C-alpha cells in the first residue's frame, strides 16, 4: 500500500479535529464542563484519547475552540440563508441576522454558552485560535456590509455588545428577556424590529411592530455607534 499523500493526511487531521470539537459542544451542552472529561470527548468522537492532547493543550482551550467554531458556523449559516439581502438597506439585514444568530445560540444552548462565558472570565481568559479568528472575520465583514467607516474598530465593539447580551441573557437568578436585549441592540444600530428573525410578533412592552414603525416615522434617524464612529446604511 502506497503512503498517503500530505493532502490526504491533512484532510484526515481536519476531520479528526472537527469530530472532537463537535463532541465537545455536544457533551458540555448535555452534562456541563466539570462532568465532561477528555476521555468522554474522545469516546464520543470515536478518536484515540491521545489525539485530544495532541491537538489541544487542555480542556479549556478545547472548549473555547469548539464554541468559537459553533458560533462561526451558526453565524455563517444565519448570514447566508436565502433570500440573501440585496439592495438598499441590505447591510442592516446582515447585521440583524448576525445579532439573531448569536442570541439564538444562547437561547438554544444555555448551558454550553454559560460555560463558555464563564471560562472566558477565568484567569486563562480569552484564547486566540483559528476558529475565533474566523468568527472575528465574519463579524468584521458584517460591519463592512452594514456600512461602518472603520470596521476594524467597530467589530470588536459589536463583539463586546453581543458578549454582554449573552451574559445578561444567561445570568443565573436574574436573566433578562431575549426580546429586551435584542431591542436594545437593534435600537443602538438603527435596525427595524422585523429584520433578521424576530423572536415574536410584539416588541417588548406590548408595542406591536406597526405602531413602532409609525412612531419611528416622526422621530429623528436612529443613533449609530456613537463614539465609535460606525454608521449604518440608511
C-alpha atoms as a PDB file:
ATOM      1  CA  UNK A   1       0.000   0.000   0.000  1.00  0.00           C
ATOM      2  CA  UNK A   2       1.403   3.354  -1.015  1.00  0.00           C
ATOM      3  CA  UNK A   3       1.754   6.013   1.710  1.00  0.00           C
ATOM      4  CA  UNK A   4      -0.960   8.663   1.974  1.00  0.00           C
ATOM      5  CA  UNK A   5      -0.252  11.998   0.384  1.00  0.00           C
ATOM      6  CA  UNK A   6       0.234  15.089   2.584  1.00  0.00           C
ATOM      7  CA  UNK A   7      -3.129  16.449   1.415  1.00  0.00           C
ATOM      8  CA  UNK A   8      -4.917  13.249   2.461  1.00  0.00           C
ATOM      9  CA  UNK A   9      -3.212  13.316   5.854  1.00  0.00           C
ATOM     10  CA  UNK A  10      -4.204  16.955   6.321  1.00  0.00           C
ATOM     11  CA  UNK A  11      -7.822  16.159   5.490  1.00  0.00           C
ATOM     12  CA  UNK A  12      -7.846  13.278   7.983  1.00  0.00           C
ATOM     13  CA  UNK A  13      -6.438  15.569  10.679  1.00  0.00           C
ATOM     14  CA  UNK A  14      -9.067  18.188   9.898  1.00  0.00           C
ATOM     15  CA  UNK A  15     -11.874  15.663  10.187  1.00  0.00           C
ATOM     16  CA  UNK A  16     -10.500  14.303  13.461  1.00  0.00           C
ATOM     17  CA  UNK A  17     -10.364  17.790  14.937  1.00  0.00           C
ATOM     18  CA  UNK A  18     -13.886  18.592  13.770  1.00  0.00           C
ATOM     19  CA  UNK A  19     -15.229  15.415  15.396  1.00  0.00           C
ATOM     20  CA  UNK A  20     -13.514  16.339  18.652  1.00  0.00           C
ATOM     21  CA  UNK A  21     -14.871  19.888  18.545  1.00  0.00           C
ATOM     22  CA  UNK A  22     -18.400  18.715  17.804  1.00  0.00           C
ATOM     23  CA  UNK A  23     -18.228  16.117  20.572  1.00  0.00           C
ATOM     24  CA  UNK A  24     -17.090  18.831  22.977  1.00  0.00           C
ATOM     25  CA  UNK A  25     -20.033  21.170  22.381  1.00  0.00           C
ATOM     26  CA  UNK A  26     -22.458  18.252  22.490  1.00  0.00           C
ATOM     27  CA  UNK A  27     -21.168  16.792  25.754  1.00  0.00           C
ATOM     28  CA  UNK A  28     -20.611  20.062  27.597  1.00  0.00           C
ATOM     29  CA  UNK A  29     -24.059  21.168  26.463  1.00  0.00           C
ATOM     30  CA  UNK A  30     -25.541  17.988  27.894  1.00  0.00           C
ATOM     31  CA  UNK A  31     -23.505  17.491  31.084  1.00  0.00           C
ATOM     32  CA  UNK A  32     -21.645  20.690  31.862  1.00  0.00           C
ATOM     33  CA  UNK A  33     -17.928  21.360  31.942  1.00  0.00           C
ATOM     34  CA  UNK A  34     -16.867  19.558  35.118  1.00  0.00           C
ATOM     35  CA  UNK A  35     -18.828  16.410  34.273  1.00  0.00           C
ATOM     36  CA  UNK A  36     -17.211  16.121  30.839  1.00  0.00           C
ATOM     37  CA  UNK A  37     -13.769  14.552  30.645  1.00  0.00           C
ATOM     38  CA  UNK A  38     -11.314  14.485  27.777  1.00  0.00           C
ATOM     39  CA  UNK A  39     -11.785  10.731  27.653  1.00  0.00           C
ATOM     40  CA  UNK A  40     -15.543  11.257  27.252  1.00  0.00           C
ATOM     41  CA  UNK A  41     -14.908  13.628  24.373  1.00  0.00           C
ATOM     42  CA  UNK A  42     -12.542  11.207  22.660  1.00  0.00           C
ATOM     43  CA  UNK A  43     -15.048   8.369  23.051  1.00  0.00           C
ATOM     44  CA  UNK A  44     -17.905  10.444  21.622  1.00  0.00           C
ATOM     45  CA  UNK A  45     -15.718  11.489  18.690  1.00  0.00           C
ATOM     46  CA  UNK A  46     -14.532   7.941  18.049  1.00  0.00           C
ATOM     47  CA  UNK A  47     -10.923   9.064  18.476  1.00  0.00           C
ATOM     48  CA  UNK A  48      -7.946   7.901  20.495  1.00  0.00           C
ATOM     49  CA  UNK A  49      -7.535   9.691  23.830  1.00  0.00           C
ATOM     50  CA  UNK A  50      -4.055  10.823  22.869  1.00  0.00           C
ATOM     51  CA  UNK A  51      -5.392  12.771  19.879  1.00  0.00           C
ATOM     52  CA  UNK A  52      -7.151  15.258  22.169  1.00  0.00           C
ATOM     53  CA  UNK A  53      -3.910  16.221  23.880  1.00  0.00           C
ATOM     54  CA  UNK A  54      -2.081  16.195  20.550  1.00  0.00           C
ATOM     55  CA  UNK A  55      -4.387  18.802  19.028  1.00  0.00           C
ATOM     56  CA  UNK A  56      -5.324  20.849  22.114  1.00  0.00           C
ATOM     57  CA  UNK A  57      -3.251  21.812  25.178  1.00  0.00           C
ATOM     58  CA  UNK A  58      -6.152  21.373  27.621  1.00  0.00           C
ATOM     59  CA  UNK A  59      -9.889  21.093  28.120  1.00  0.00           C
ATOM     60  CA  UNK A  60     -10.456  24.818  28.498  1.00  0.00           C
ATOM     61  CA  UNK A  61      -8.710  25.556  25.207  1.00  0.00           C
ATOM     62  CA  UNK A  62     -10.632  22.752  23.540  1.00  0.00           C
ATOM     63  CA  UNK A  63     -13.948  24.128  24.768  1.00  0.00           C
ATOM     64  CA  UNK A  64     -13.238  27.689  23.653  1.00  0.00           C
ATOM     65  CA  UNK A  65     -12.183  26.482  20.219  1.00  0.00           C
ATOM     66  CA  UNK A  66     -15.247  24.253  19.986  1.00  0.00           C
ATOM     67  CA  UNK A  67     -17.669  27.035  20.933  1.00  0.00           C
ATOM     68  CA  UNK A  68     -15.988  29.537  18.628  1.00  0.00           C
ATOM     69  CA  UNK A  69     -16.357  27.012  15.810  1.00  0.00           C
ATOM     70  CA  UNK A  70     -20.033  26.557  16.648  1.00  0.00           C
ATOM     71  CA  UNK A  71     -20.555  30.328  16.725  1.00  0.00           C
ATOM     72  CA  UNK A  72     -18.704  30.726  13.435  1.00  0.00           C
ATOM     73  CA  UNK A  73     -20.807  28.036  11.738  1.00  0.00           C
ATOM     74  CA  UNK A  74     -24.111  29.323  13.118  1.00  0.00           C
ATOM     75  CA  UNK A  75     -23.253  32.890  12.191  1.00  0.00           C
ATOM     76  CA  UNK A  76     -22.282  31.854   8.665  1.00  0.00           C
ATOM     77  CA  UNK A  77     -25.488  29.854   8.290  1.00  0.00           C
ATOM     78  CA  UNK A  78     -27.611  32.726   9.524  1.00  0.00           C
ATOM     79  CA  UNK A  79     -25.923  35.244   7.247  1.00  0.00           C
ATOM     80  CA  UNK A  80     -26.072  33.133   4.113  1.00  0.00           C
ATOM     81  CA  UNK A  81     -29.609  31.796   4.320  1.00  0.00           C
ATOM     82  CA  UNK A  82     -31.932  32.557   1.419  1.00  0.00           C
ATOM     83  CA  UNK A  83     -33.075  35.018   0.351  1.00  0.00           C
ATOM     84  CA  UNK A  84     -29.785  36.857   0.532  1.00  0.00           C
ATOM     85  CA  UNK A  85     -30.107  40.554   1.384  1.00  0.00           C
ATOM     86  CA  UNK A  86     -29.856  42.840  -1.601  1.00  0.00           C
ATOM     87  CA  UNK A  87     -30.305  46.486  -2.453  1.00  0.00           C
ATOM     88  CA  UNK A  88     -30.685  49.487  -0.201  1.00  0.00           C
ATOM     89  CA  UNK A  89     -30.759  48.555   3.444  1.00  0.00           C
ATOM     90  CA  UNK A  90     -29.179  45.133   2.894  1.00  0.00           C
ATOM     91  CA  UNK A  91     -26.448  45.982   5.384  1.00  0.00           C
ATOM     92  CA  UNK A  92     -28.988  46.369   8.185  1.00  0.00           C
ATOM     93  CA  UNK A  93     -30.395  42.935   7.388  1.00  0.00           C
ATOM     94  CA  UNK A  94     -26.895  41.418   7.525  1.00  0.00           C
ATOM     95  CA  UNK A  95     -26.303  42.921  10.959  1.00  0.00           C
ATOM     96  CA  UNK A  96     -29.741  41.861  12.231  1.00  0.00           C
ATOM     97  CA  UNK A  97     -29.015  38.291  11.164  1.00  0.00           C
ATOM     98  CA  UNK A  98     -25.675  38.337  12.966  1.00  0.00           C
ATOM     99  CA  UNK A  99     -27.245  39.560  16.205  1.00  0.00           C
ATOM    100  CA  UNK A 100     -30.038  36.985  15.984  1.00  0.00           C
ATOM    101  CA  UNK A 101     -27.588  34.148  15.295  1.00  0.00           C
ATOM    102  CA  UNK A 102     -25.570  34.800  18.459  1.00  0.00           C
ATOM    103  CA  UNK A 103     -28.579  35.468  20.695  1.00  0.00           C
ATOM    104  CA  UNK A 104     -30.215  32.358  19.251  1.00  0.00           C
ATOM    105  CA  UNK A 105     -27.281  30.208  20.356  1.00  0.00           C
ATOM    106  CA  UNK A 106     -27.644  31.492  23.913  1.00  0.00           C
ATOM    107  CA  UNK A 107     -31.351  30.644  23.874  1.00  0.00           C
ATOM    108  CA  UNK A 108     -30.904  27.204  22.314  1.00  0.00           C
ATOM    109  CA  UNK A 109     -27.739  26.110  24.173  1.00  0.00           C
ATOM    110  CA  UNK A 110     -27.814  27.930  27.521  1.00  0.00           C
ATOM    111  CA  UNK A 111     -25.596  25.535  29.492  1.00  0.00           C
ATOM    112  CA  UNK A 112     -22.927  25.469  26.795  1.00  0.00           C
ATOM    113  CA  UNK A 113     -22.874  29.229  26.295  1.00  0.00           C
ATOM    114  CA  UNK A 114     -22.934  29.970  30.038  1.00  0.00           C
ATOM    115  CA  UNK A 115     -19.971  27.629  30.487  1.00  0.00           C
ATOM    116  CA  UNK A 116     -18.138  29.292  27.620  1.00  0.00           C
ATOM    117  CA  UNK A 117     -18.647  32.792  29.009  1.00  0.00           C
ATOM    118  CA  UNK A 118     -17.587  31.685  32.482  1.00  0.00           C
ATOM    119  CA  UNK A 119     -14.396  30.222  31.035  1.00  0.00           C
ATOM    120  CA  UNK A 120     -13.520  33.453  29.262  1.00  0.00           C
ATOM    121  CA  UNK A 121     -13.744  35.281  32.593  1.00  0.00           C
ATOM    122  CA  UNK A 122     -11.276  32.944  34.320  1.00  0.00           C
ATOM    123  CA  UNK A 123      -7.573  33.604  34.722  1.00  0.00           C
ATOM    124  CA  UNK A 124      -6.870  31.894  31.389  1.00  0.00           C
ATOM    125  CA  UNK A 125      -9.089  34.450  29.700  1.00  0.00           C
ATOM    126  CA  UNK A 126      -9.823  34.795  26.028  1.00  0.00           C
ATOM    127  CA  UNK A 127      -7.864  32.264  23.999  1.00  0.00           C
ATOM    128  CA  UNK A 128      -6.884  33.095  20.435  1.00  0.00           C
ATOM    129  CA  UNK A 129      -7.409  30.259  17.948  1.00  0.00           C
ATOM    130  CA  UNK A 130      -8.168  29.844  14.219  1.00  0.00           C
ATOM    131  CA  UNK A 131     -11.884  29.364  14.915  1.00  0.00           C
ATOM    132  CA  UNK A 132     -12.013  32.577  16.928  1.00  0.00           C
ATOM    133  CA  UNK A 133     -10.288  34.354  14.054  1.00  0.00           C
ATOM    134  CA  UNK A 134     -12.845  33.022  11.570  1.00  0.00           C
ATOM    135  CA  UNK A 135     -15.621  34.300  13.812  1.00  0.00           C
ATOM    136  CA  UNK A 136     -13.912  37.696  14.046  1.00  0.00           C
ATOM    137  CA  UNK A 137     -13.612  37.896  10.255  1.00  0.00           C
ATOM    138  CA  UNK A 138     -17.334  37.223   9.860  1.00  0.00           C
ATOM    139  CA  UNK A 139     -18.207  39.927  12.380  1.00  0.00           C
ATOM    140  CA  UNK A 140     -15.863  42.365  10.682  1.00  0.00           C
ATOM    141  CA  UNK A 141     -17.360  41.562   7.278  1.00  0.00           C
ATOM    142  CA  UNK A 142     -20.812  42.131   8.732  1.00  0.00           C
ATOM    143  CA  UNK A 143     -19.774  45.601   9.869  1.00  0.00           C
ATOM    144  CA  UNK A 144     -18.374  46.319   6.391  1.00  0.00           C
ATOM    145  CA  UNK A 145     -21.703  45.338   4.849  1.00  0.00           C
ATOM    146  CA  UNK A 146     -23.545  47.408   7.439  1.00  0.00           C
ATOM    147  CA  UNK A 147     -21.616  50.451   6.280  1.00  0.00           C
ATOM    148  CA  UNK A 148     -19.116  51.020   9.068  1.00  0.00           C
ATOM    149  CA  UNK A 149     -16.410  53.516   8.058  1.00  0.00           C
ATOM    150  CA  UNK A 150     -13.992  51.835  10.484  1.00  0.00           C
ATOM    151  CA  UNK A 151     -14.807  48.097  10.719  1.00  0.00           C
ATOM    152  CA  UNK A 152     -11.537  47.272  12.468  1.00  0.00           C
ATOM    153  CA  UNK A 153     -12.608  49.450  15.395  1.00  0.00           C
ATOM    154  CA  UNK A 154     -16.322  48.688  15.232  1.00  0.00           C
ATOM    155  CA  UNK A 155     -16.418  44.908  15.022  1.00  0.00           C
ATOM    156  CA  UNK A 156     -14.719  44.442  18.441  1.00  0.00           C
ATOM    157  CA  UNK A 157     -17.387  46.746  19.873  1.00  0.00           C
ATOM    158  CA  UNK A 158     -20.103  44.643  18.265  1.00  0.00           C
ATOM    159  CA  UNK A 159     -18.461  41.515  19.696  1.00  0.00           C
ATOM    160  CA  UNK A 160     -18.347  43.064  23.166  1.00  0.00           C
ATOM    161  CA  UNK A 161     -22.006  44.068  22.979  1.00  0.00           C
ATOM    162  CA  UNK A 162     -23.025  40.572  21.885  1.00  0.00           C
ATOM    163  CA  UNK A 163     -20.984  39.025  24.710  1.00  0.00           C
ATOM    164  CA  UNK A 164     -22.642  41.361  27.189  1.00  0.00           C
ATOM    165  CA  UNK A 165     -26.084  40.444  25.881  1.00  0.00           C
ATOM    166  CA  UNK A 166     -25.327  36.730  26.164  1.00  0.00           C
ATOM    167  CA  UNK A 167     -24.163  37.189  29.769  1.00  0.00           C
ATOM    168  CA  UNK A 168     -27.308  39.166  30.619  1.00  0.00           C
ATOM    169  CA  UNK A 169     -29.494  36.545  28.949  1.00  0.00           C
ATOM    170  CA  UNK A 170     -27.874  33.673  30.867  1.00  0.00           C
ATOM    171  CA  UNK A 171     -27.198  35.343  34.240  1.00  0.00           C
ATOM    172  CA  UNK A 172     -28.268  32.805  36.883  1.00  0.00           C
ATOM    173  CA  UNK A 173     -31.080  34.135  39.028  1.00  0.00           C
ATOM    174  CA  UNK A 174     -31.583  37.363  37.078  1.00  0.00           C
ATOM    175  CA  UNK A 175     -31.746  36.665  33.331  1.00  0.00           C
ATOM    176  CA  UNK A 176     -33.036  39.348  31.001  1.00  0.00           C
ATOM    177  CA  UNK A 177     -35.587  38.514  28.279  1.00  0.00           C
ATOM    178  CA  UNK A 178     -34.077  37.969  24.859  1.00  0.00           C
ATOM    179  CA  UNK A 179     -36.668  40.318  23.357  1.00  0.00           C
ATOM    180  CA  UNK A 180     -35.473  43.221  25.506  1.00  0.00           C
ATOM    181  CA  UNK A 181     -31.808  42.561  24.795  1.00  0.00           C
ATOM    182  CA  UNK A 182     -32.494  42.281  21.080  1.00  0.00           C
ATOM    183  CA  UNK A 183     -34.463  45.526  21.140  1.00  0.00           C
ATOM    184  CA  UNK A 184     -31.575  47.356  22.821  1.00  0.00           C
ATOM    185  CA  UNK A 185     -29.064  46.100  20.263  1.00  0.00           C
ATOM    186  CA  UNK A 186     -31.361  46.851  17.344  1.00  0.00           C
ATOM    187  CA  UNK A 187     -32.018  50.344  18.655  1.00  0.00           C
ATOM    188  CA  UNK A 188     -28.301  51.020  19.020  1.00  0.00           C
ATOM    189  CA  UNK A 189     -27.661  50.120  15.393  1.00  0.00           C
ATOM    190  CA  UNK A 190     -30.848  51.613  13.952  1.00  0.00           C
ATOM    191  CA  UNK A 191     -32.330  48.256  12.913  1.00  0.00           C
ATOM    192  CA  UNK A 192     -36.017  47.676  12.319  1.00  0.00           C
ATOM    193  CA  UNK A 193     -37.545  45.018  14.583  1.00  0.00           C
ATOM    194  CA  UNK A 194     -38.799  42.907  11.668  1.00  0.00           C
ATOM    195  CA  UNK A 195     -35.291  42.408  10.247  1.00  0.00           C
ATOM    196  CA  UNK A 196     -33.485  39.130  10.848  1.00  0.00           C
ATOM    197  CA  UNK A 197     -35.608  36.603  12.734  1.00  0.00           C
ATOM    198  CA  UNK A 198     -37.718  38.360  15.372  1.00  0.00           C
ATOM    199  CA  UNK A 199     -38.479  36.200  18.435  1.00  0.00           C
ATOM    200  CA  UNK A 200     -42.135  37.302  18.466  1.00  0.00           C
ATOM    201  CA  UNK A 201     -44.781  39.457  16.831  1.00  0.00           C
ATOM    202  CA  UNK A 202     -44.675  42.090  19.566  1.00  0.00           C
ATOM    203  CA  UNK A 203     -41.898  44.325  20.751  1.00  0.00           C
ATOM    204  CA  UNK A 204     -41.113  44.494  24.488  1.00  0.00           C
ATOM    205  CA  UNK A 205     -43.797  46.386  26.373  1.00  0.00           C
ATOM    206  CA  UNK A 206     -46.584  45.165  24.103  1.00  0.00           C
ATOM    207  CA  UNK A 207     -45.991  47.657  21.284  1.00  0.00           C
ATOM    208  CA  UNK A 208     -46.638  45.924  18.014  1.00  0.00           C
ATOM    209  CA  UNK A 209     -44.399  46.266  15.009  1.00  0.00           C
ATOM    210  CA  UNK A 210     -46.642  48.614  13.032  1.00  0.00           C
ATOM    211  CA  UNK A 211     -47.052  51.026  15.950  1.00  0.00           C
ATOM    212  CA  UNK A 212     -43.298  51.047  16.410  1.00  0.00           C
ATOM    213  CA  UNK A 213     -42.667  51.780  12.744  1.00  0.00           C
ATOM    214  CA  UNK A 214     -45.297  54.550  12.770  1.00  0.00           C
ATOM    215  CA  UNK A 215     -43.597  56.118  15.764  1.00  0.00           C
ATOM    216  CA  UNK A 216     -40.193  55.957  14.096  1.00  0.00           C
ATOM    217  CA  UNK A 217     -41.509  57.994  11.152  1.00  0.00           C
ATOM    218  CA  UNK A 218     -41.932  61.041  13.396  1.00  0.00           C
ATOM    219  CA  UNK A 219     -38.537  60.741  15.052  1.00  0.00           C
ATOM    220  CA  UNK A 220     -35.008  61.588  14.010  1.00  0.00           C
ATOM    221  CA  UNK A 221     -32.861  58.884  12.418  1.00  0.00           C
ATOM    222  CA  UNK A 222     -31.799  56.167  14.917  1.00  0.00           C
ATOM    223  CA  UNK A 223     -28.499  56.510  16.762  1.00  0.00           C
ATOM    224  CA  UNK A 224     -25.486  54.828  15.212  1.00  0.00           C
ATOM    225  CA  UNK A 225     -22.458  53.563  17.102  1.00  0.00           C
ATOM    226  CA  UNK A 226     -21.887  56.928  18.742  1.00  0.00           C
ATOM    227  CA  UNK A 227     -18.346  57.474  19.871  1.00  0.00           C
ATOM    228  CA  UNK A 228     -17.059  54.510  17.851  1.00  0.00           C
ATOM    229  CA  UNK A 229     -17.852  56.351  14.637  1.00  0.00           C
ATOM    230  CA  UNK A 230     -19.691  53.486  12.892  1.00  0.00           C
ATOM    231  CA  UNK A 231     -22.547  54.402  10.636  1.00  0.00           C
ATOM    232  CA  UNK A 232     -25.047  52.002   9.106  1.00  0.00           C
ATOM    233  CA  UNK A 233     -26.578  52.069   5.688  1.00  0.00           C
ATOM    234  CA  UNK A 234     -29.586  54.268   5.591  1.00  0.00           C
END
